N, C-alpha and C. Protein backbone atom coordinates (compact mmCIF):
# COMPACT_ATOMS: atom_id res chain seq x y z
N MET A 1 0.83 -1.19 0.00
CA MET A 1 0.00 0.00 0.00
C MET A 1 0.88 1.26 0.00
N LYS A 2 1.98 1.22 0.78
CA LYS A 2 2.87 2.36 0.87
C LYS A 2 3.46 2.70 -0.50
N TYR A 3 3.86 1.69 -1.25
CA TYR A 3 4.45 1.91 -2.57
C TYR A 3 3.41 2.38 -3.57
N PHE A 4 2.18 1.90 -3.40
CA PHE A 4 1.09 2.34 -4.28
C PHE A 4 0.83 3.83 -4.09
N LEU A 5 0.80 4.28 -2.82
CA LEU A 5 0.58 5.71 -2.54
C LEU A 5 1.73 6.56 -3.06
N LEU A 6 2.95 6.04 -2.91
CA LEU A 6 4.11 6.74 -3.44
C LEU A 6 4.02 6.86 -4.97
N TYR A 7 3.57 5.78 -5.61
CA TYR A 7 3.40 5.78 -7.07
C TYR A 7 2.35 6.82 -7.48
N ILE A 8 1.24 6.86 -6.77
CA ILE A 8 0.17 7.83 -7.06
C ILE A 8 0.71 9.25 -6.89
N LYS A 9 1.46 9.50 -5.82
CA LYS A 9 2.02 10.82 -5.56
C LYS A 9 2.98 11.24 -6.69
N GLN A 10 3.84 10.33 -7.10
CA GLN A 10 4.79 10.62 -8.17
C GLN A 10 4.07 10.86 -9.50
N THR A 11 3.04 10.08 -9.77
CA THR A 11 2.27 10.25 -11.00
C THR A 11 1.56 11.60 -11.01
N LEU A 12 0.97 11.98 -9.88
CA LEU A 12 0.29 13.28 -9.81
C LEU A 12 1.29 14.41 -10.02
N ARG A 13 2.45 14.32 -9.40
CA ARG A 13 3.47 15.35 -9.61
C ARG A 13 3.89 15.42 -11.07
N PHE A 14 4.07 14.26 -11.68
CA PHE A 14 4.49 14.20 -13.08
C PHE A 14 3.46 14.86 -13.99
N VAL A 15 2.19 14.67 -13.67
CA VAL A 15 1.11 15.23 -14.50
C VAL A 15 0.85 16.69 -14.16
N LEU A 16 0.83 17.02 -12.88
CA LEU A 16 0.41 18.36 -12.46
C LEU A 16 1.50 19.42 -12.60
N LYS A 17 2.76 19.06 -12.45
CA LYS A 17 3.82 20.06 -12.54
C LYS A 17 3.82 20.80 -13.87
N PRO A 18 3.74 20.10 -15.01
CA PRO A 18 3.70 20.84 -16.28
C PRO A 18 2.47 21.72 -16.41
N LEU A 19 1.36 21.32 -15.78
CA LEU A 19 0.14 22.13 -15.84
C LEU A 19 0.27 23.42 -15.04
N SER A 20 1.31 23.53 -14.23
CA SER A 20 1.49 24.75 -13.44
C SER A 20 1.81 25.96 -14.32
N PHE A 21 2.16 25.71 -15.59
CA PHE A 21 2.43 26.82 -16.51
C PHE A 21 1.16 27.34 -17.20
N VAL A 22 0.03 26.66 -17.02
CA VAL A 22 -1.22 27.08 -17.67
C VAL A 22 -1.61 28.51 -17.29
N PRO A 23 -1.53 28.91 -16.01
CA PRO A 23 -1.88 30.31 -15.70
C PRO A 23 -1.02 31.33 -16.46
N ALA A 24 0.26 31.02 -16.68
CA ALA A 24 1.12 31.94 -17.44
C ALA A 24 0.64 32.06 -18.88
N ILE A 25 0.26 30.95 -19.47
CA ILE A 25 -0.25 30.96 -20.85
C ILE A 25 -1.56 31.75 -20.91
N VAL A 26 -2.41 31.56 -19.91
CA VAL A 26 -3.68 32.31 -19.86
C VAL A 26 -3.40 33.81 -19.75
N MET A 27 -2.47 34.19 -18.88
CA MET A 27 -2.13 35.62 -18.73
C MET A 27 -1.58 36.19 -20.04
N MET A 28 -0.73 35.43 -20.72
CA MET A 28 -0.16 35.91 -21.98
C MET A 28 -1.27 36.12 -23.01
N CYS A 29 -2.21 35.20 -23.06
CA CYS A 29 -3.34 35.35 -23.99
C CYS A 29 -4.20 36.55 -23.63
N LEU A 30 -4.43 36.74 -22.35
CA LEU A 30 -5.23 37.87 -21.88
C LEU A 30 -4.57 39.20 -22.25
N ILE A 31 -3.27 39.29 -22.02
CA ILE A 31 -2.52 40.50 -22.37
C ILE A 31 -2.60 40.74 -23.88
N PHE A 32 -2.45 39.68 -24.66
CA PHE A 32 -2.53 39.80 -26.12
C PHE A 32 -3.90 40.32 -26.55
N VAL A 33 -4.95 39.81 -25.94
CA VAL A 33 -6.32 40.26 -26.29
C VAL A 33 -6.50 41.73 -25.95
N PHE A 34 -6.03 42.15 -24.76
CA PHE A 34 -6.15 43.56 -24.39
C PHE A 34 -5.37 44.44 -25.37
N SER A 35 -4.20 44.00 -25.79
CA SER A 35 -3.38 44.78 -26.72
C SER A 35 -3.95 44.79 -28.13
N SER A 36 -4.83 43.84 -28.43
CA SER A 36 -5.43 43.78 -29.76
C SER A 36 -6.60 44.74 -29.91
N GLN A 37 -7.06 45.32 -28.81
CA GLN A 37 -8.16 46.27 -28.89
C GLN A 37 -7.67 47.55 -29.55
N ASN A 38 -8.50 48.10 -30.45
CA ASN A 38 -8.10 49.38 -31.03
C ASN A 38 -8.22 50.47 -29.97
N ALA A 39 -7.77 51.67 -30.30
CA ALA A 39 -7.70 52.75 -29.32
C ALA A 39 -9.05 53.06 -28.70
N ASP A 40 -10.11 53.08 -29.50
CA ASP A 40 -11.44 53.40 -28.97
C ASP A 40 -11.94 52.32 -28.02
N GLU A 41 -11.77 51.05 -28.41
CA GLU A 41 -12.21 49.94 -27.55
C GLU A 41 -11.43 49.94 -26.23
N SER A 42 -10.13 50.17 -26.33
CA SER A 42 -9.29 50.20 -25.14
C SER A 42 -9.68 51.33 -24.21
N SER A 43 -9.93 52.51 -24.76
CA SER A 43 -10.35 53.66 -23.95
C SER A 43 -11.69 53.39 -23.27
N GLN A 44 -12.62 52.82 -24.02
CA GLN A 44 -13.94 52.52 -23.46
C GLN A 44 -13.82 51.50 -22.33
N PHE A 45 -13.01 50.48 -22.53
CA PHE A 45 -12.82 49.45 -21.50
C PHE A 45 -12.20 50.06 -20.25
N SER A 46 -11.17 50.90 -20.42
CA SER A 46 -10.53 51.56 -19.27
C SER A 46 -11.52 52.45 -18.53
N TYR A 47 -12.34 53.16 -19.29
CA TYR A 47 -13.36 54.02 -18.69
C TYR A 47 -14.33 53.20 -17.85
N GLU A 48 -14.81 52.08 -18.41
CA GLU A 48 -15.77 51.22 -17.69
C GLU A 48 -15.15 50.62 -16.43
N VAL A 49 -13.90 50.20 -16.52
CA VAL A 49 -13.21 49.68 -15.34
C VAL A 49 -13.11 50.77 -14.28
N GLY A 50 -12.75 51.97 -14.71
CA GLY A 50 -12.66 53.09 -13.77
C GLY A 50 -13.98 53.36 -13.08
N VAL A 51 -15.07 53.36 -13.85
CA VAL A 51 -16.40 53.59 -13.26
C VAL A 51 -16.72 52.51 -12.23
N LYS A 52 -16.44 51.25 -12.56
CA LYS A 52 -16.74 50.15 -11.62
C LYS A 52 -15.90 50.27 -10.35
N VAL A 53 -14.61 50.52 -10.50
CA VAL A 53 -13.74 50.63 -9.32
C VAL A 53 -14.16 51.81 -8.46
N LEU A 54 -14.43 52.94 -9.08
CA LEU A 54 -14.82 54.13 -8.33
C LEU A 54 -16.19 53.95 -7.67
N THR A 55 -17.09 53.24 -8.32
CA THR A 55 -18.40 52.95 -7.73
C THR A 55 -18.23 52.08 -6.49
N ILE A 56 -17.37 51.07 -6.58
CA ILE A 56 -17.11 50.21 -5.42
C ILE A 56 -16.48 51.03 -4.30
N ALA A 57 -15.52 51.89 -4.65
CA ALA A 57 -14.88 52.75 -3.64
C ALA A 57 -15.90 53.67 -2.99
N ASN A 58 -16.78 54.24 -3.80
CA ASN A 58 -17.82 55.12 -3.30
C ASN A 58 -18.73 54.38 -2.33
N ASP A 59 -19.14 53.18 -2.69
CA ASP A 59 -20.03 52.40 -1.83
C ASP A 59 -19.32 51.94 -0.55
N THR A 60 -18.07 51.54 -0.69
CA THR A 60 -17.31 51.03 0.45
C THR A 60 -17.00 52.12 1.46
N PHE A 61 -16.57 53.29 0.97
CA PHE A 61 -16.16 54.36 1.87
C PHE A 61 -17.25 55.42 2.07
N ASP A 62 -18.43 55.15 1.53
CA ASP A 62 -19.59 56.03 1.70
C ASP A 62 -19.24 57.49 1.41
N ARG A 63 -18.70 57.71 0.19
CA ARG A 63 -18.25 59.04 -0.21
C ARG A 63 -19.41 59.95 -0.64
N GLY A 64 -20.52 59.37 -1.08
CA GLY A 64 -21.65 60.17 -1.50
C GLY A 64 -21.51 60.78 -2.90
N TRP A 65 -20.66 60.18 -3.72
CA TRP A 65 -20.47 60.69 -5.08
C TRP A 65 -21.68 60.37 -5.95
N THR A 66 -22.01 61.28 -6.84
CA THR A 66 -23.08 61.04 -7.80
C THR A 66 -22.51 60.23 -8.96
N THR A 67 -23.40 59.66 -9.75
CA THR A 67 -22.97 58.88 -10.93
C THR A 67 -22.18 59.76 -11.87
N LYS A 68 -22.60 60.99 -12.06
CA LYS A 68 -21.90 61.93 -12.94
C LYS A 68 -20.49 62.22 -12.42
N HIS A 69 -20.36 62.39 -11.11
CA HIS A 69 -19.04 62.65 -10.51
C HIS A 69 -18.12 61.44 -10.72
N ILE A 70 -18.66 60.24 -10.53
CA ILE A 70 -17.87 59.01 -10.73
C ILE A 70 -17.42 58.92 -12.19
N GLU A 71 -18.31 59.23 -13.12
CA GLU A 71 -17.96 59.20 -14.55
C GLU A 71 -16.86 60.22 -14.86
N ASN A 72 -16.96 61.41 -14.29
CA ASN A 72 -15.93 62.44 -14.50
C ASN A 72 -14.59 62.01 -13.90
N LEU A 73 -14.63 61.42 -12.70
CA LEU A 73 -13.40 60.92 -12.09
C LEU A 73 -12.75 59.84 -12.94
N SER A 74 -13.58 58.96 -13.48
CA SER A 74 -13.06 57.89 -14.33
C SER A 74 -12.42 58.48 -15.59
N MET A 75 -13.04 59.48 -16.16
CA MET A 75 -12.51 60.11 -17.37
C MET A 75 -11.17 60.80 -17.10
N THR A 76 -11.08 61.50 -15.96
CA THR A 76 -9.84 62.22 -15.66
C THR A 76 -8.74 61.29 -15.12
N SER A 77 -9.11 60.08 -14.73
CA SER A 77 -8.13 59.13 -14.17
C SER A 77 -7.64 58.12 -15.19
N GLN A 78 -7.98 58.29 -16.45
CA GLN A 78 -7.64 57.28 -17.47
C GLN A 78 -6.16 56.94 -17.52
N TYR A 79 -5.31 57.92 -17.46
CA TYR A 79 -3.86 57.68 -17.53
C TYR A 79 -3.44 56.73 -16.41
N TYR A 80 -3.89 57.01 -15.17
CA TYR A 80 -3.50 56.21 -14.02
C TYR A 80 -4.13 54.81 -14.07
N ILE A 81 -5.35 54.73 -14.57
CA ILE A 81 -6.02 53.43 -14.70
C ILE A 81 -5.24 52.56 -15.68
N ARG A 82 -4.85 53.13 -16.80
CA ARG A 82 -4.10 52.37 -17.81
C ARG A 82 -2.74 51.92 -17.30
N LYS A 83 -2.03 52.81 -16.63
CA LYS A 83 -0.68 52.46 -16.14
C LYS A 83 -0.77 51.44 -15.01
N THR A 84 -1.81 51.56 -14.17
CA THR A 84 -2.03 50.56 -13.13
C THR A 84 -2.35 49.20 -13.76
N ALA A 85 -3.11 49.22 -14.84
CA ALA A 85 -3.42 47.97 -15.54
C ALA A 85 -2.16 47.33 -16.09
N HIS A 86 -1.27 48.14 -16.68
CA HIS A 86 0.01 47.61 -17.19
C HIS A 86 0.78 46.94 -16.05
N PHE A 87 0.94 47.65 -14.94
CA PHE A 87 1.69 47.11 -13.81
C PHE A 87 1.06 45.80 -13.33
N THR A 88 -0.27 45.80 -13.17
CA THR A 88 -0.98 44.64 -12.62
C THR A 88 -0.91 43.44 -13.53
N GLU A 89 -1.14 43.62 -14.84
CA GLU A 89 -1.12 42.44 -15.72
C GLU A 89 0.26 41.82 -15.77
N TYR A 90 1.30 42.63 -15.75
CA TYR A 90 2.64 42.06 -15.80
C TYR A 90 3.10 41.55 -14.44
N PHE A 91 2.58 42.09 -13.36
CA PHE A 91 2.80 41.50 -12.04
C PHE A 91 2.24 40.08 -12.02
N LEU A 92 1.00 39.93 -12.49
CA LEU A 92 0.36 38.61 -12.52
C LEU A 92 1.08 37.66 -13.48
N LEU A 93 1.53 38.18 -14.62
CA LEU A 93 2.30 37.33 -15.55
C LEU A 93 3.58 36.84 -14.88
N ALA A 94 4.28 37.74 -14.19
CA ALA A 94 5.54 37.36 -13.54
C ALA A 94 5.31 36.30 -12.47
N VAL A 95 4.27 36.46 -11.68
CA VAL A 95 3.98 35.47 -10.65
C VAL A 95 3.64 34.13 -11.31
N SER A 96 2.85 34.17 -12.37
CA SER A 96 2.44 32.92 -13.02
C SER A 96 3.57 32.26 -13.80
N VAL A 97 4.62 33.00 -14.12
CA VAL A 97 5.82 32.41 -14.75
C VAL A 97 6.81 31.98 -13.67
N ALA A 98 7.04 32.83 -12.67
CA ALA A 98 8.07 32.56 -11.66
C ALA A 98 7.69 31.42 -10.72
N PHE A 99 6.42 31.32 -10.36
CA PHE A 99 6.04 30.29 -9.40
C PHE A 99 6.31 28.88 -9.90
N PRO A 100 5.90 28.51 -11.12
CA PRO A 100 6.23 27.16 -11.59
C PRO A 100 7.73 26.93 -11.71
N LEU A 101 8.46 27.96 -12.13
CA LEU A 101 9.91 27.82 -12.21
C LEU A 101 10.50 27.58 -10.82
N TYR A 102 9.97 28.27 -9.83
CA TYR A 102 10.41 28.08 -8.46
C TYR A 102 10.14 26.65 -8.00
N VAL A 103 8.94 26.16 -8.33
CA VAL A 103 8.57 24.79 -7.97
C VAL A 103 9.51 23.78 -8.64
N TYR A 104 9.93 24.08 -9.85
CA TYR A 104 10.85 23.20 -10.56
C TYR A 104 12.29 23.32 -10.04
N GLY A 105 12.54 24.25 -9.12
CA GLY A 105 13.85 24.34 -8.50
C GLY A 105 14.71 25.51 -8.95
N LEU A 106 14.20 26.35 -9.82
CA LEU A 106 14.95 27.53 -10.25
C LEU A 106 14.76 28.61 -9.19
N ARG A 107 15.84 28.97 -8.51
CA ARG A 107 15.74 29.89 -7.39
C ARG A 107 16.82 30.95 -7.46
N GLY A 108 16.74 31.90 -6.55
CA GLY A 108 17.76 32.93 -6.43
C GLY A 108 17.83 33.83 -7.65
N ILE A 109 19.06 34.24 -7.95
CA ILE A 109 19.27 35.18 -9.04
C ILE A 109 18.86 34.59 -10.39
N TRP A 110 18.97 33.27 -10.53
CA TRP A 110 18.60 32.64 -11.81
C TRP A 110 17.09 32.73 -12.06
N LEU A 111 16.30 32.68 -11.02
CA LEU A 111 14.86 32.87 -11.18
C LEU A 111 14.58 34.29 -11.64
N VAL A 112 15.23 35.25 -11.00
CA VAL A 112 15.04 36.66 -11.37
C VAL A 112 15.45 36.88 -12.83
N ILE A 113 16.61 36.34 -13.20
CA ILE A 113 17.11 36.55 -14.57
C ILE A 113 16.22 35.86 -15.59
N PHE A 114 15.92 34.59 -15.39
CA PHE A 114 15.16 33.85 -16.39
C PHE A 114 13.72 34.34 -16.50
N ALA A 115 13.01 34.38 -15.37
CA ALA A 115 11.61 34.82 -15.41
C ALA A 115 11.52 36.29 -15.83
N GLY A 116 12.46 37.10 -15.31
CA GLY A 116 12.47 38.52 -15.67
C GLY A 116 12.71 38.73 -17.15
N ALA A 117 13.71 38.06 -17.71
CA ALA A 117 14.02 38.21 -19.14
C ALA A 117 12.84 37.75 -20.00
N PHE A 118 12.24 36.63 -19.62
CA PHE A 118 11.11 36.12 -20.38
C PHE A 118 9.96 37.12 -20.39
N CYS A 119 9.60 37.62 -19.21
CA CYS A 119 8.46 38.53 -19.09
C CYS A 119 8.74 39.89 -19.73
N VAL A 120 9.95 40.42 -19.56
CA VAL A 120 10.29 41.70 -20.19
C VAL A 120 10.31 41.55 -21.71
N ALA A 121 10.80 40.42 -22.21
CA ALA A 121 10.77 40.17 -23.66
C ALA A 121 9.32 40.14 -24.15
N TYR A 122 8.45 39.51 -23.37
CA TYR A 122 7.03 39.47 -23.76
C TYR A 122 6.44 40.88 -23.75
N ALA A 123 6.82 41.69 -22.77
CA ALA A 123 6.34 43.08 -22.71
C ALA A 123 6.79 43.85 -23.96
N GLY A 124 8.03 43.65 -24.36
CA GLY A 124 8.54 44.30 -25.57
C GLY A 124 7.80 43.84 -26.81
N LEU A 125 7.57 42.54 -26.91
CA LEU A 125 6.81 42.02 -28.06
C LEU A 125 5.37 42.53 -28.05
N ASP A 126 4.81 42.66 -26.86
CA ASP A 126 3.44 43.18 -26.75
C ASP A 126 3.36 44.62 -27.23
N GLU A 127 4.33 45.43 -26.86
CA GLU A 127 4.34 46.82 -27.34
C GLU A 127 4.54 46.86 -28.86
N TYR A 128 5.39 46.01 -29.37
CA TYR A 128 5.58 45.93 -30.83
C TYR A 128 4.28 45.51 -31.50
N HIS A 129 3.58 44.55 -30.92
CA HIS A 129 2.29 44.10 -31.44
C HIS A 129 1.31 45.27 -31.53
N GLN A 130 1.35 46.17 -30.56
CA GLN A 130 0.42 47.31 -30.55
C GLN A 130 0.66 48.26 -31.72
N SER A 131 1.86 48.22 -32.30
CA SER A 131 2.13 49.09 -33.44
C SER A 131 1.32 48.70 -34.67
N PHE A 132 0.75 47.51 -34.66
CA PHE A 132 -0.07 47.04 -35.77
C PHE A 132 -1.57 47.23 -35.51
N VAL A 133 -1.92 47.77 -34.35
CA VAL A 133 -3.32 47.93 -33.96
C VAL A 133 -3.72 49.38 -34.18
N SER A 134 -4.90 49.57 -34.77
CA SER A 134 -5.41 50.90 -35.11
C SER A 134 -5.46 51.82 -33.89
N GLY A 135 -4.78 52.97 -34.00
CA GLY A 135 -4.81 53.98 -32.96
C GLY A 135 -3.89 53.72 -31.79
N ARG A 136 -3.15 52.63 -31.82
CA ARG A 136 -2.25 52.29 -30.70
C ARG A 136 -0.80 52.47 -31.14
N THR A 137 0.04 52.84 -30.21
CA THR A 137 1.47 52.99 -30.50
C THR A 137 2.28 52.35 -29.38
N PRO A 138 3.42 51.77 -29.73
CA PRO A 138 4.28 51.21 -28.68
C PRO A 138 4.95 52.34 -27.89
N GLN A 139 5.09 52.14 -26.59
CA GLN A 139 5.71 53.16 -25.74
C GLN A 139 6.73 52.51 -24.81
N LYS A 140 7.93 53.08 -24.80
CA LYS A 140 8.98 52.58 -23.91
C LYS A 140 8.56 52.72 -22.45
N LYS A 141 7.82 53.79 -22.15
CA LYS A 141 7.35 54.02 -20.78
C LYS A 141 6.51 52.84 -20.29
N ASP A 142 5.71 52.27 -21.18
CA ASP A 142 4.88 51.12 -20.79
C ASP A 142 5.75 49.90 -20.48
N ILE A 143 6.82 49.71 -21.23
CA ILE A 143 7.72 48.59 -20.95
C ILE A 143 8.39 48.78 -19.59
N ILE A 144 8.71 50.01 -19.24
CA ILE A 144 9.31 50.28 -17.93
C ILE A 144 8.31 49.99 -16.81
N ILE A 145 7.07 50.41 -17.00
CA ILE A 145 6.02 50.13 -16.00
C ILE A 145 5.78 48.63 -15.91
N ASP A 146 5.72 47.95 -17.09
CA ASP A 146 5.56 46.49 -17.10
C ASP A 146 6.70 45.82 -16.35
N SER A 147 7.92 46.29 -16.57
CA SER A 147 9.10 45.71 -15.91
C SER A 147 9.04 45.88 -14.40
N CYS A 148 8.54 47.02 -13.94
CA CYS A 148 8.38 47.21 -12.49
C CYS A 148 7.41 46.17 -11.93
N GLY A 149 6.28 45.97 -12.61
CA GLY A 149 5.33 44.94 -12.19
C GLY A 149 5.95 43.55 -12.21
N ILE A 150 6.77 43.30 -13.23
CA ILE A 150 7.42 41.99 -13.38
C ILE A 150 8.34 41.72 -12.19
N PHE A 151 9.21 42.67 -11.88
CA PHE A 151 10.19 42.40 -10.83
C PHE A 151 9.56 42.40 -9.44
N VAL A 152 8.51 43.17 -9.23
CA VAL A 152 7.77 43.07 -7.96
C VAL A 152 7.13 41.68 -7.87
N GLY A 153 6.55 41.20 -8.96
CA GLY A 153 5.93 39.87 -8.97
C GLY A 153 6.93 38.76 -8.69
N ILE A 154 8.12 38.86 -9.26
CA ILE A 154 9.14 37.84 -9.02
C ILE A 154 9.62 37.89 -7.57
N ILE A 155 9.79 39.08 -7.04
CA ILE A 155 10.24 39.21 -5.65
C ILE A 155 9.18 38.65 -4.70
N VAL A 156 7.91 38.96 -4.95
CA VAL A 156 6.82 38.43 -4.13
C VAL A 156 6.82 36.90 -4.20
N THR A 157 7.01 36.36 -5.39
CA THR A 157 7.05 34.90 -5.55
C THR A 157 8.21 34.30 -4.75
N ARG A 158 9.36 34.94 -4.82
CA ARG A 158 10.52 34.45 -4.06
C ARG A 158 10.26 34.50 -2.56
N ILE A 159 9.65 35.57 -2.09
CA ILE A 159 9.36 35.69 -0.65
C ILE A 159 8.36 34.61 -0.21
N ILE A 160 7.30 34.45 -0.98
CA ILE A 160 6.29 33.43 -0.63
C ILE A 160 6.89 32.04 -0.72
N GLY A 161 7.66 31.76 -1.77
CA GLY A 161 8.30 30.45 -1.92
C GLY A 161 9.26 30.15 -0.79
N TRP A 162 10.10 31.11 -0.45
CA TRP A 162 11.06 30.92 0.62
C TRP A 162 10.35 30.72 1.95
N THR A 163 9.34 31.56 2.22
CA THR A 163 8.59 31.45 3.46
C THR A 163 7.92 30.08 3.56
N GLY A 164 7.33 29.63 2.47
CA GLY A 164 6.70 28.31 2.45
C GLY A 164 7.69 27.20 2.71
N ARG A 165 8.85 27.30 2.09
CA ARG A 165 9.88 26.26 2.28
C ARG A 165 10.41 26.24 3.70
N MET A 166 10.47 27.40 4.33
CA MET A 166 11.02 27.49 5.69
C MET A 166 9.98 27.18 6.76
N THR A 167 8.71 27.17 6.40
CA THR A 167 7.67 26.95 7.41
C THR A 167 6.81 25.74 7.05
N ILE A 168 5.82 25.94 6.23
CA ILE A 168 4.82 24.91 5.93
C ILE A 168 5.43 23.66 5.30
N PHE A 169 6.30 23.83 4.32
CA PHE A 169 6.82 22.70 3.57
C PHE A 169 8.22 22.27 4.02
N ARG A 170 8.66 22.73 5.17
CA ARG A 170 10.00 22.41 5.65
C ARG A 170 10.21 20.90 5.77
N GLN A 171 9.23 20.20 6.32
CA GLN A 171 9.35 18.76 6.46
C GLN A 171 9.50 18.07 5.11
N LEU A 172 8.77 18.55 4.12
CA LEU A 172 8.86 17.93 2.79
C LEU A 172 10.22 18.18 2.15
N SER A 173 10.75 19.38 2.32
CA SER A 173 12.03 19.70 1.68
C SER A 173 13.20 19.00 2.36
N ASN A 174 13.05 18.64 3.63
CA ASN A 174 14.12 17.95 4.36
C ASN A 174 13.91 16.45 4.39
N HIS A 175 12.83 15.95 3.80
CA HIS A 175 12.50 14.54 3.83
C HIS A 175 13.55 13.74 3.05
N LYS A 176 14.10 12.74 3.69
CA LYS A 176 15.11 11.90 3.02
C LYS A 176 14.42 10.70 2.41
N VAL A 177 14.82 10.38 1.20
CA VAL A 177 14.28 9.23 0.50
C VAL A 177 14.90 7.97 1.09
N GLU A 178 14.08 6.91 1.24
CA GLU A 178 14.58 5.65 1.80
C GLU A 178 15.74 5.12 0.98
N GLY A 179 16.76 4.67 1.67
CA GLY A 179 17.89 4.08 0.99
C GLY A 179 18.96 5.10 0.61
N LYS A 180 18.69 6.39 0.86
CA LYS A 180 19.67 7.44 0.51
C LYS A 180 20.07 8.19 1.77
N GLY A 181 20.76 7.56 2.62
CA GLY A 181 21.33 8.16 3.81
C GLY A 181 20.37 8.71 4.73
């Protein structure tokens, strides 16, 4: 029975570990779809997100803003909404790329270099892709904002991974395999 459970555990790891990259692929597709929106669609989407976030903030903090005031705030906050979106999507991409790499054993500076280079390259390709979309232009400033999100995401992943290894999963990481000392 013990060997059967070990076999099941090893089989699950063999199957599930490669699937840990699925969130990264989903994030890359999501970023591509957002970048494929023409300028008008992108502006409208940012405006709607702003209205929803500001409405939630208004309800949560009981600010008493009117619908018109929320719409005006959303319109005047477009720049910040867009830049926050850049930071957030690339933060999530970095976490979804770095975490599986961490699980596979890539740690320290090599995790930062590999995951960082991959995500920054994707950010550059994404900006280049926008040059083919009506009304959109690639901007170096966006790659810098994306890179900030990327490196914060990788650092957060490293902190969570290290904390998990030192606390919750410490027994698993120190577990010796039978027959090997």
